[in-house]
Amino acid sequence: MHHNDLLFISRHLSPAEVCAQLLALSVVEYSRAPGLSVVLTLNGTEGQLADTGRGMRLTPDLGDTISHAERALTGFYPCLSSNEHDNAILQELIWGDHGSLGPSVANFACPALRFTSRREGEVWSQSFRYGQPSGPAALLGATNTTGTTIDFTTETAIDATEVAALVARLRKRIPELQITIHTR
């Protein structure tokens, strides 16, 4: 898939579909960290998705110039569950015919997105505007927890009812998955 294809698809996502694409990341992470919990908070055009998974590396891999997270948030980077059953559910409820395009499709749709990762004792964060980094990842400090928090803004209000219905379907189909949704 080309960069322009991702941009085209992202420009046609509704705000609820942006939430769905980001929720899919937490479901994928759930397959690798089954005890994780997810909290989605919605407030008009703003959202926050926080999980207690492993976190994503915001430092460059050895021999690379950009971080693993930045690569995933700015290019074609399919994220698949380690569980085929969950992949089938995500395909049906979220990904559709395109399959997993990765987090960049949601990032390209957002006027603002901040990705914060707690991993290996450190907290790192990086901000984006319509998929473009606002600067390099920054070390925020130390932590004894792991997980990811994505703060995002959509162009128009997020349909909280539509997102809540998706969360209910995900919880019904993957009963062990802990997702809590809050609206303000």
N, C-alpha and C. Protein backbone atom coordinates (compact mmCIF):
# COMPACT_ATOMS: atom_id res chain seq x y z
N MET A 1 0.85 -1.17 0.00
CA MET A 1 0.00 0.00 0.00
C MET A 1 0.90 1.23 0.00
N HIS A 2 0.52 2.21 -0.76
CA HIS A 2 1.29 3.45 -0.87
C HIS A 2 0.79 4.49 0.13
N HIS A 3 1.66 5.45 0.43
CA HIS A 3 1.36 6.55 1.34
C HIS A 3 0.09 7.28 0.91
N ASN A 4 -0.06 7.53 -0.39
CA ASN A 4 -1.24 8.24 -0.89
C ASN A 4 -2.53 7.45 -0.66
N ASP A 5 -2.45 6.11 -0.74
CA ASP A 5 -3.62 5.28 -0.46
C ASP A 5 -4.03 5.43 1.00
N LEU A 6 -3.05 5.43 1.92
CA LEU A 6 -3.36 5.62 3.34
C LEU A 6 -3.99 6.98 3.58
N LEU A 7 -3.47 8.01 2.91
CA LEU A 7 -4.04 9.35 3.06
C LEU A 7 -5.48 9.39 2.56
N PHE A 8 -5.73 8.77 1.41
CA PHE A 8 -7.07 8.75 0.84
C PHE A 8 -8.05 8.06 1.79
N ILE A 9 -7.68 6.90 2.29
CA ILE A 9 -8.54 6.15 3.21
C ILE A 9 -8.77 6.95 4.49
N SER A 10 -7.71 7.56 5.02
CA SER A 10 -7.84 8.29 6.29
C SER A 10 -8.76 9.50 6.14
N ARG A 11 -8.74 10.14 5.01
CA ARG A 11 -9.58 11.32 4.79
C ARG A 11 -11.07 10.97 4.73
N HIS A 12 -11.38 9.70 4.55
CA HIS A 12 -12.77 9.27 4.47
C HIS A 12 -13.25 8.58 5.75
N LEU A 13 -12.42 8.56 6.78
CA LEU A 13 -12.83 7.97 8.06
C LEU A 13 -13.70 8.96 8.83
N SER A 14 -14.78 8.49 9.38
CA SER A 14 -15.56 9.32 10.31
C SER A 14 -14.80 9.36 11.63
N PRO A 15 -15.11 10.31 12.51
CA PRO A 15 -14.46 10.32 13.82
C PRO A 15 -14.66 9.01 14.59
N ALA A 16 -15.84 8.39 14.47
CA ALA A 16 -16.07 7.10 15.14
C ALA A 16 -15.17 6.02 14.55
N GLU A 17 -14.93 6.08 13.24
CA GLU A 17 -14.03 5.11 12.60
C GLU A 17 -12.58 5.33 13.02
N VAL A 18 -12.20 6.58 13.28
CA VAL A 18 -10.86 6.85 13.82
C VAL A 18 -10.73 6.15 15.17
N CYS A 19 -11.75 6.30 16.03
CA CYS A 19 -11.74 5.62 17.34
C CYS A 19 -11.64 4.12 17.15
N ALA A 20 -12.38 3.58 16.20
CA ALA A 20 -12.38 2.14 15.96
C ALA A 20 -11.00 1.66 15.56
N GLN A 21 -10.33 2.38 14.66
CA GLN A 21 -8.99 1.99 14.23
C GLN A 21 -8.02 1.99 15.41
N LEU A 22 -8.14 2.98 16.28
CA LEU A 22 -7.27 3.03 17.46
C LEU A 22 -7.63 1.92 18.45
N LEU A 23 -8.91 1.64 18.63
CA LEU A 23 -9.32 0.53 19.50
C LEU A 23 -8.76 -0.79 19.01
N ALA A 24 -8.70 -0.96 17.69
CA ALA A 24 -8.15 -2.20 17.13
C ALA A 24 -6.73 -2.43 17.62
N LEU A 25 -5.95 -1.36 17.78
CA LEU A 25 -4.58 -1.50 18.29
C LEU A 25 -4.57 -2.11 19.68
N SER A 26 -5.51 -1.68 20.52
CA SER A 26 -5.58 -2.22 21.88
C SER A 26 -6.00 -3.68 21.86
N VAL A 27 -6.89 -4.06 20.94
CA VAL A 27 -7.29 -5.46 20.83
C VAL A 27 -6.10 -6.30 20.38
N VAL A 28 -5.32 -5.79 19.43
CA VAL A 28 -4.11 -6.48 18.98
C VAL A 28 -3.15 -6.62 20.16
N GLU A 29 -2.96 -5.58 20.93
CA GLU A 29 -2.07 -5.64 22.09
C GLU A 29 -2.59 -6.63 23.12
N TYR A 30 -3.91 -6.73 23.27
CA TYR A 30 -4.52 -7.68 24.20
C TYR A 30 -4.05 -9.10 23.89
N SER A 31 -3.87 -9.43 22.62
CA SER A 31 -3.45 -10.79 22.26
C SER A 31 -2.03 -11.08 22.75
N ARG A 32 -1.25 -10.04 23.00
CA ARG A 32 0.13 -10.21 23.44
C ARG A 32 0.29 -9.94 24.94
N ALA A 33 -0.68 -9.27 25.52
CA ALA A 33 -0.67 -8.93 26.96
C ALA A 33 -2.09 -9.12 27.49
N PRO A 34 -2.53 -10.38 27.68
CA PRO A 34 -3.93 -10.68 27.97
C PRO A 34 -4.51 -10.01 29.21
N GLY A 35 -3.72 -9.57 30.14
CA GLY A 35 -4.25 -8.92 31.34
C GLY A 35 -4.54 -7.45 31.16
N LEU A 36 -4.33 -6.92 29.96
CA LEU A 36 -4.45 -5.49 29.77
C LEU A 36 -5.88 -5.01 29.93
N SER A 37 -6.00 -3.77 30.34
CA SER A 37 -7.31 -3.12 30.37
C SER A 37 -7.21 -1.87 29.50
N VAL A 38 -8.36 -1.47 28.96
CA VAL A 38 -8.43 -0.35 28.03
C VAL A 38 -9.47 0.63 28.55
N VAL A 39 -9.13 1.92 28.53
CA VAL A 39 -10.08 2.96 28.89
C VAL A 39 -10.13 3.95 27.72
N LEU A 40 -11.33 4.16 27.19
CA LEU A 40 -11.54 5.12 26.12
C LEU A 40 -12.41 6.24 26.67
N THR A 41 -11.91 7.47 26.58
CA THR A 41 -12.63 8.64 27.05
C THR A 41 -12.92 9.54 25.85
N LEU A 42 -14.18 9.93 25.68
CA LEU A 42 -14.59 10.77 24.55
C LEU A 42 -15.22 12.05 25.06
N ASN A 43 -14.89 13.16 24.40
CA ASN A 43 -15.42 14.47 24.78
C ASN A 43 -15.48 15.34 23.52
N GLY A 44 -16.60 15.30 22.81
CA GLY A 44 -16.74 16.11 21.60
C GLY A 44 -15.79 15.64 20.51
N THR A 45 -14.83 16.48 20.15
CA THR A 45 -13.85 16.12 19.12
C THR A 45 -12.58 15.52 19.71
N GLU A 46 -12.54 15.37 21.03
CA GLU A 46 -11.34 14.86 21.69
C GLU A 46 -11.55 13.45 22.21
N GLY A 47 -10.49 12.67 22.16
CA GLY A 47 -10.54 11.32 22.69
C GLY A 47 -9.22 10.96 23.33
N GLN A 48 -9.29 10.01 24.24
CA GLN A 48 -8.08 9.45 24.83
C GLN A 48 -8.29 7.94 24.96
N LEU A 49 -7.33 7.20 24.46
CA LEU A 49 -7.34 5.75 24.56
C LEU A 49 -6.11 5.36 25.37
N ALA A 50 -6.33 4.69 26.49
CA ALA A 50 -5.22 4.29 27.36
C ALA A 50 -5.32 2.80 27.62
N ASP A 51 -4.18 2.10 27.47
CA ASP A 51 -4.18 0.68 27.80
C ASP A 51 -2.99 0.37 28.70
N THR A 52 -3.05 -0.79 29.32
CA THR A 52 -2.00 -1.23 30.24
C THR A 52 -1.16 -2.33 29.61
N GLY A 53 -1.00 -2.26 28.29
CA GLY A 53 -0.20 -3.25 27.56
C GLY A 53 1.29 -3.04 27.76
N ARG A 54 2.06 -3.48 26.78
CA ARG A 54 3.53 -3.45 26.88
C ARG A 54 4.13 -2.11 26.53
N GLY A 55 3.37 -1.22 25.89
CA GLY A 55 3.93 0.04 25.40
C GLY A 55 4.67 -0.22 24.11
N MET A 56 4.87 0.83 23.32
CA MET A 56 5.58 0.71 22.04
C MET A 56 6.86 1.53 22.11
N ARG A 57 7.90 1.00 21.55
CA ARG A 57 9.21 1.66 21.60
C ARG A 57 9.17 3.01 20.87
N LEU A 58 9.53 4.08 21.59
CA LEU A 58 9.62 5.41 21.00
C LEU A 58 11.07 5.87 20.88
N THR A 59 11.96 4.92 20.88
CA THR A 59 13.36 5.20 20.57
C THR A 59 13.69 4.39 19.32
N PRO A 60 14.65 4.84 18.52
CA PRO A 60 14.97 4.09 17.30
C PRO A 60 15.53 2.70 17.62
N ASP A 61 15.12 1.72 16.82
CA ASP A 61 15.73 0.41 16.91
C ASP A 61 17.18 0.52 16.45
N LEU A 62 18.00 -0.39 16.89
CA LEU A 62 19.41 -0.38 16.52
C LEU A 62 19.56 -0.28 15.01
N GLY A 63 20.31 0.70 14.55
CA GLY A 63 20.56 0.89 13.13
C GLY A 63 19.47 1.65 12.40
N ASP A 64 18.44 2.12 13.12
CA ASP A 64 17.35 2.83 12.47
C ASP A 64 17.43 4.30 12.86
N THR A 65 16.75 5.14 12.10
CA THR A 65 16.78 6.58 12.38
C THR A 65 15.49 7.08 13.02
N ILE A 66 14.40 6.32 12.88
CA ILE A 66 13.16 6.72 13.54
C ILE A 66 12.68 5.58 14.43
N SER A 67 11.86 5.94 15.39
CA SER A 67 11.40 4.94 16.36
C SER A 67 10.42 3.96 15.73
N HIS A 68 10.28 2.84 16.39
CA HIS A 68 9.31 1.83 15.98
C HIS A 68 7.91 2.45 15.94
N ALA A 69 7.55 3.20 16.96
CA ALA A 69 6.23 3.83 17.02
C ALA A 69 6.04 4.84 15.89
N GLU A 70 7.04 5.68 15.63
CA GLU A 70 6.91 6.66 14.56
C GLU A 70 6.75 5.97 13.21
N ARG A 71 7.48 4.89 13.00
CA ARG A 71 7.34 4.14 11.74
C ARG A 71 5.90 3.61 11.61
N ALA A 72 5.35 3.07 12.70
CA ALA A 72 3.98 2.54 12.67
C ALA A 72 2.94 3.65 12.49
N LEU A 73 3.21 4.83 13.03
CA LEU A 73 2.25 5.93 12.99
C LEU A 73 2.32 6.77 11.73
N THR A 74 3.32 6.53 10.88
CA THR A 74 3.47 7.37 9.69
C THR A 74 3.55 6.58 8.38
N GLY A 75 3.44 5.26 8.44
CA GLY A 75 3.53 4.46 7.21
C GLY A 75 2.61 3.26 7.27
N PHE A 76 2.64 2.47 6.23
CA PHE A 76 1.84 1.25 6.17
C PHE A 76 2.47 0.24 7.11
N TYR A 77 1.77 -0.09 8.19
CA TYR A 77 2.31 -0.96 9.22
C TYR A 77 1.18 -1.79 9.81
N PRO A 78 0.77 -2.85 9.08
CA PRO A 78 -0.34 -3.67 9.58
C PRO A 78 -0.03 -4.24 10.95
N CYS A 79 -0.97 -4.11 11.87
CA CYS A 79 -0.83 -4.66 13.21
C CYS A 79 -1.86 -5.76 13.36
N LEU A 80 -1.40 -6.98 13.50
CA LEU A 80 -2.29 -8.13 13.61
C LEU A 80 -2.19 -8.77 14.98
N SER A 81 -3.29 -9.30 15.42
CA SER A 81 -3.35 -10.03 16.68
C SER A 81 -2.60 -11.35 16.53
N SER A 82 -2.13 -11.88 17.63
CA SER A 82 -1.50 -13.20 17.59
C SER A 82 -2.57 -14.29 17.61
N ASN A 83 -3.84 -13.88 17.66
CA ASN A 83 -4.97 -14.79 17.73
C ASN A 83 -5.82 -14.61 16.47
N GLU A 84 -5.90 -15.63 15.64
CA GLU A 84 -6.66 -15.55 14.39
C GLU A 84 -8.14 -15.25 14.62
N HIS A 85 -8.70 -15.76 15.71
CA HIS A 85 -10.11 -15.48 16.04
C HIS A 85 -10.32 -13.99 16.23
N ASP A 86 -9.43 -13.33 16.97
CA ASP A 86 -9.54 -11.89 17.19
C ASP A 86 -9.34 -11.12 15.89
N ASN A 87 -8.41 -11.58 15.04
CA ASN A 87 -8.21 -10.93 13.74
C ASN A 87 -9.48 -10.98 12.91
N ALA A 88 -10.18 -12.11 12.94
CA ALA A 88 -11.43 -12.25 12.19
C ALA A 88 -12.49 -11.27 12.72
N ILE A 89 -12.54 -11.10 14.03
CA ILE A 89 -13.49 -10.15 14.64
C ILE A 89 -13.13 -8.72 14.23
N LEU A 90 -11.85 -8.38 14.30
CA LEU A 90 -11.41 -7.03 13.90
C LEU A 90 -11.68 -6.79 12.42
N GLN A 91 -11.47 -7.81 11.59
CA GLN A 91 -11.74 -7.69 10.16
C GLN A 91 -13.23 -7.38 9.94
N GLU A 92 -14.07 -8.09 10.65
CA GLU A 92 -15.52 -7.93 10.50
C GLU A 92 -16.01 -6.59 11.05
N LEU A 93 -15.56 -6.22 12.25
CA LEU A 93 -16.12 -5.05 12.93
C LEU A 93 -15.42 -3.73 12.62
N ILE A 94 -14.12 -3.79 12.25
CA ILE A 94 -13.36 -2.54 12.12
C ILE A 94 -12.63 -2.42 10.79
N TRP A 95 -11.80 -3.38 10.46
CA TRP A 95 -10.91 -3.23 9.32
C TRP A 95 -11.60 -3.33 7.97
N GLY A 96 -12.60 -4.18 7.85
CA GLY A 96 -13.29 -4.34 6.58
C GLY A 96 -12.39 -4.94 5.51
N ASP A 97 -12.70 -4.64 4.27
CA ASP A 97 -12.00 -5.22 3.13
C ASP A 97 -10.52 -4.86 3.07
N HIS A 98 -10.15 -3.70 3.62
CA HIS A 98 -8.75 -3.26 3.57
C HIS A 98 -7.85 -4.11 4.47
N GLY A 99 -8.42 -4.72 5.50
CA GLY A 99 -7.60 -5.41 6.48
C GLY A 99 -6.92 -4.39 7.37
N SER A 100 -5.99 -4.85 8.17
CA SER A 100 -5.27 -3.95 9.08
C SER A 100 -4.31 -3.06 8.29
N LEU A 101 -4.52 -1.77 8.40
CA LEU A 101 -3.61 -0.81 7.76
C LEU A 101 -2.61 -0.26 8.76
N GLY A 102 -2.89 -0.47 10.04
CA GLY A 102 -2.02 0.04 11.09
C GLY A 102 -2.48 1.39 11.61
N PRO A 103 -1.79 1.90 12.61
CA PRO A 103 -2.23 3.12 13.29
C PRO A 103 -2.11 4.39 12.48
N SER A 104 -1.34 4.36 11.39
CA SER A 104 -1.16 5.59 10.61
C SER A 104 -2.45 6.07 9.99
N VAL A 105 -3.36 5.14 9.62
CA VAL A 105 -4.60 5.57 8.97
C VAL A 105 -5.41 6.46 9.91
N ALA A 106 -5.44 6.17 11.19
CA ALA A 106 -6.12 7.04 12.16
C ALA A 106 -5.30 8.31 12.40
N ASN A 107 -3.98 8.17 12.49
CA ASN A 107 -3.12 9.33 12.73
C ASN A 107 -3.26 10.37 11.62
N PHE A 108 -3.30 9.91 10.36
CA PHE A 108 -3.43 10.84 9.22
C PHE A 108 -4.76 11.59 9.26
N ALA A 109 -5.78 11.02 9.90
CA ALA A 109 -7.10 11.65 9.97
C ALA A 109 -7.22 12.68 11.08
N CYS A 110 -6.25 12.73 11.99
CA CYS A 110 -6.37 13.57 13.19
C CYS A 110 -5.58 14.87 13.08
N PRO A 111 -6.25 16.01 13.34
CA PRO A 111 -5.53 17.27 13.39
C PRO A 111 -4.47 17.29 14.48
N ALA A 112 -4.67 16.47 15.51
CA ALA A 112 -3.68 16.36 16.59
C ALA A 112 -3.76 14.96 17.18
N LEU A 113 -2.59 14.36 17.38
CA LEU A 113 -2.50 13.06 18.03
C LEU A 113 -1.20 13.04 18.82
N ARG A 114 -1.30 12.68 20.09
CA ARG A 114 -0.11 12.53 20.94
C ARG A 114 -0.05 11.08 21.40
N PHE A 115 1.07 10.45 21.14
CA PHE A 115 1.29 9.05 21.47
C PHE A 115 2.27 9.01 22.63
N THR A 116 1.84 8.42 23.76
CA THR A 116 2.71 8.32 24.93
C THR A 116 2.85 6.85 25.29
N SER A 117 4.09 6.43 25.51
CA SER A 117 4.37 5.02 25.79
C SER A 117 5.16 4.89 27.07
N ARG A 118 4.70 3.95 27.91
CA ARG A 118 5.41 3.60 29.14
C ARG A 118 5.98 2.21 28.92
N ARG A 119 7.30 2.14 28.84
CA ARG A 119 7.96 0.87 28.50
C ARG A 119 9.38 0.89 29.05
N GLU A 120 9.82 -0.25 29.55
CA GLU A 120 11.20 -0.42 30.01
C GLU A 120 11.62 0.66 31.00
N GLY A 121 10.67 1.06 31.89
CA GLY A 121 10.98 2.01 32.95
C GLY A 121 10.97 3.46 32.53
N GLU A 122 10.63 3.75 31.27
CA GLU A 122 10.66 5.13 30.78
C GLU A 122 9.30 5.52 30.18
N VAL A 123 9.03 6.83 30.21
CA VAL A 123 7.84 7.38 29.57
C VAL A 123 8.32 8.27 28.42
N TRP A 124 7.87 7.94 27.21
CA TRP A 124 8.22 8.70 26.02
C TRP A 124 6.94 9.20 25.37
N SER A 125 7.02 10.34 24.69
CA SER A 125 5.85 10.87 24.00
C SER A 125 6.27 11.54 22.70
N GLN A 126 5.37 11.49 21.73
CA GLN A 126 5.59 12.16 20.45
C GLN A 126 4.25 12.65 19.93
N SER A 127 4.23 13.85 19.35
CA SER A 127 3.00 14.45 18.84
C SER A 127 3.03 14.50 17.32
N PHE A 128 1.82 14.46 16.74
CA PHE A 128 1.65 14.45 15.29
C PHE A 128 0.51 15.39 14.92
N ARG A 129 0.57 15.89 13.70
CA ARG A 129 -0.51 16.69 13.11
C ARG A 129 -0.78 16.11 11.74
N TYR A 130 -1.97 15.56 11.57
CA TYR A 130 -2.33 14.87 10.32
C TYR A 130 -1.23 13.91 9.87
N GLY A 131 -0.71 13.15 10.82
CA GLY A 131 0.26 12.10 10.52
C GLY A 131 1.71 12.55 10.43
N GLN A 132 1.95 13.84 10.50
CA GLN A 132 3.32 14.35 10.43
C GLN A 132 3.84 14.63 11.83
N PRO A 133 5.03 14.13 12.17
CA PRO A 133 5.58 14.40 13.51
C PRO A 133 5.77 15.90 13.73
N SER A 134 5.38 16.35 14.92
CA SER A 134 5.59 17.75 15.30
C SER A 134 7.01 17.97 15.80
N GLY A 135 7.74 16.89 16.00
CA GLY A 135 9.10 16.91 16.49
C GLY A 135 9.47 15.49 16.87
N PRO A 136 10.69 15.30 17.34
CA PRO A 136 11.10 13.95 17.74
C PRO A 136 10.42 13.51 19.03
N ALA A 137 10.47 12.24 19.30
CA ALA A 137 9.97 11.70 20.57
C ALA A 137 10.78 12.30 21.71
N ALA A 138 10.11 12.55 22.83
CA ALA A 138 10.77 13.15 23.99
C ALA A 138 10.61 12.25 25.20
N LEU A 139 11.68 12.10 25.95
CA LEU A 139 11.66 11.35 27.20
C LEU A 139 11.01 12.24 28.26
N LEU A 140 9.92 11.74 28.87
CA LEU A 140 9.19 12.52 29.87
C LEU A 140 9.59 12.17 31.29
N GLY A 141 10.16 10.98 31.48
CA GLY A 141 10.55 10.59 32.83
C GLY A 141 10.55 9.09 33.01
N ALA A 142 10.54 8.69 34.27
CA ALA A 142 10.60 7.27 34.62
C ALA A 142 9.22 6.79 35.08
N THR A 143 9.03 5.47 35.00
CA THR A 143 7.77 4.87 35.43
C THR A 143 8.00 3.43 35.84
N ASN A 144 7.10 2.91 36.63
CA ASN A 144 7.16 1.49 36.95
C ASN A 144 5.95 0.75 36.35
N THR A 145 5.26 1.42 35.41
CA THR A 145 4.12 0.81 34.72
C THR A 145 4.42 0.71 33.23
N THR A 146 3.58 -0.04 32.54
CA THR A 146 3.70 -0.13 31.08
C THR A 146 2.36 0.22 30.46
N GLY A 147 2.38 0.57 29.19
CA GLY A 147 1.14 0.83 28.47
C GLY A 147 1.29 1.97 27.49
N THR A 148 0.18 2.25 26.84
CA THR A 148 0.14 3.28 25.81
C THR A 148 -1.05 4.19 26.06
N THR A 149 -0.85 5.48 25.85
CA THR A 149 -1.94 6.45 25.89
C THR A 149 -1.90 7.23 24.59
N ILE A 150 -3.05 7.29 23.92
CA ILE A 150 -3.16 8.07 22.68
C ILE A 150 -4.21 9.14 22.92
N ASP A 151 -3.79 10.39 22.90
CA ASP A 151 -4.70 11.53 22.97
C ASP A 151 -4.88 12.02 21.54
N PHE A 152 -6.13 12.17 21.11
CA PHE A 152 -6.36 12.55 19.72
C PHE A 152 -7.53 13.50 19.59
N THR A 153 -7.49 14.26 18.51
CA THR A 153 -8.55 15.21 18.18
C THR A 153 -9.01 14.91 16.76
N THR A 154 -10.32 14.89 16.57
CA THR A 154 -10.88 14.69 15.24
C THR A 154 -11.45 16.01 14.72
N GLU A 155 -11.69 16.08 13.42
CA GLU A 155 -12.17 17.33 12.83
C GLU A 155 -13.59 17.68 13.27
N THR A 156 -14.42 16.67 13.47
CA THR A 156 -15.79 16.90 13.93
C THR A 156 -16.04 16.00 15.13
N ALA A 157 -17.17 16.22 15.79
CA ALA A 157 -17.48 15.49 17.02
C ALA A 157 -17.55 13.98 16.77
N ILE A 158 -17.08 13.24 17.76
CA ILE A 158 -17.09 11.78 17.73
C ILE A 158 -18.49 11.31 18.15
N ASP A 159 -19.08 10.42 17.38
CA ASP A 159 -20.39 9.86 17.72
C ASP A 159 -20.19 8.82 18.83
N ALA A 160 -20.36 9.26 20.07
CA ALA A 160 -20.11 8.39 21.23
C ALA A 160 -21.04 7.18 21.25
N THR A 161 -22.26 7.34 20.75
CA THR A 161 -23.21 6.22 20.70
C THR A 161 -22.70 5.13 19.77
N GLU A 162 -22.19 5.53 18.61
CA GLU A 162 -21.65 4.57 17.65
C GLU A 162 -20.42 3.85 18.23
N VAL A 163 -19.55 4.60 18.88
CA VAL A 163 -18.35 4.00 19.47
C VAL A 163 -18.75 3.06 20.61
N ALA A 164 -19.69 3.47 21.44
CA ALA A 164 -20.14 2.61 22.55
C ALA A 164 -20.74 1.30 22.02
N ALA A 165 -21.45 1.37 20.91
CA ALA A 165 -22.01 0.15 20.31
C ALA A 165 -20.89 -0.78 19.84
N LEU A 166 -19.84 -0.21 19.25
CA LEU A 166 -18.69 -1.02 18.83
C LEU A 166 -18.02 -1.65 20.04
N VAL A 167 -17.81 -0.88 21.09
CA VAL A 167 -17.19 -1.41 22.31
C VAL A 167 -18.03 -2.56 22.87
N ALA A 168 -19.34 -2.41 22.87
CA ALA A 168 -20.22 -3.48 23.36
C ALA A 168 -20.07 -4.74 22.49
N ARG A 169 -19.98 -4.57 21.17
CA ARG A 169 -19.79 -5.73 20.28
C ARG A 169 -18.44 -6.39 20.53
N LEU A 170 -17.40 -5.59 20.72
CA LEU A 170 -16.06 -6.15 20.99
C LEU A 170 -16.07 -6.93 22.31
N ARG A 171 -16.68 -6.36 23.35
CA ARG A 171 -16.73 -7.04 24.65
C ARG A 171 -17.54 -8.33 24.57
N LYS A 172 -18.60 -8.33 23.77
CA LYS A 172 -19.42 -9.54 23.63
C LYS A 172 -18.64 -10.63 22.89
N ARG A 173 -17.90 -10.25 21.87
CA ARG A 173 -17.20 -11.22 21.03
C ARG A 173 -15.89 -11.68 21.65
N ILE A 174 -15.27 -10.81 22.47
CA ILE A 174 -14.01 -11.15 23.16
C ILE A 174 -14.25 -10.87 24.64
N PRO A 175 -14.95 -11.78 25.34
CA PRO A 175 -15.43 -11.51 26.70
C PRO A 175 -14.32 -11.16 27.70
N GLU A 176 -13.12 -11.66 27.52
CA GLU A 176 -12.04 -11.38 28.47
C GLU A 176 -11.45 -9.98 28.30
N LEU A 177 -11.72 -9.34 27.17
CA LEU A 177 -11.20 -8.02 26.88
C LEU A 177 -11.87 -6.99 27.77
N GLN A 178 -11.07 -6.23 28.51
CA GLN A 178 -11.59 -5.23 29.44
C GLN A 178 -11.52 -3.85 28.80
N ILE A 179 -12.66 -3.36 28.31
CA ILE A 179 -12.73 -2.02 27.73
C ILE A 179 -13.78 -1.23 28.51
N THR A 180 -13.39 -0.06 28.98
CA THR A 180 -14.30 0.85 29.64
C THR A 180 -14.39 2.11 28.79
N ILE A 181 -15.59 2.63 28.61
CA ILE A 181 -15.76 3.84 27.83
C ILE A 181 -16.41 4.91 28.72
N HIS A 182 -15.86 6.12 28.65
CA HIS A 182 -16.39 7.26 29.39
C HIS A 182 -16.69 8.37 28.38
N THR A 183 -17.79 9.06 28.57
CA THR A 183 -18.08 10.24 27.75
C THR A 183 -18.26 11.42 28.69
N ARG A 184 -17.83 12.57 28.22
CA ARG A 184 -17.93 13.79 29.02
C ARG A 184 -18.80 14.78 28.30
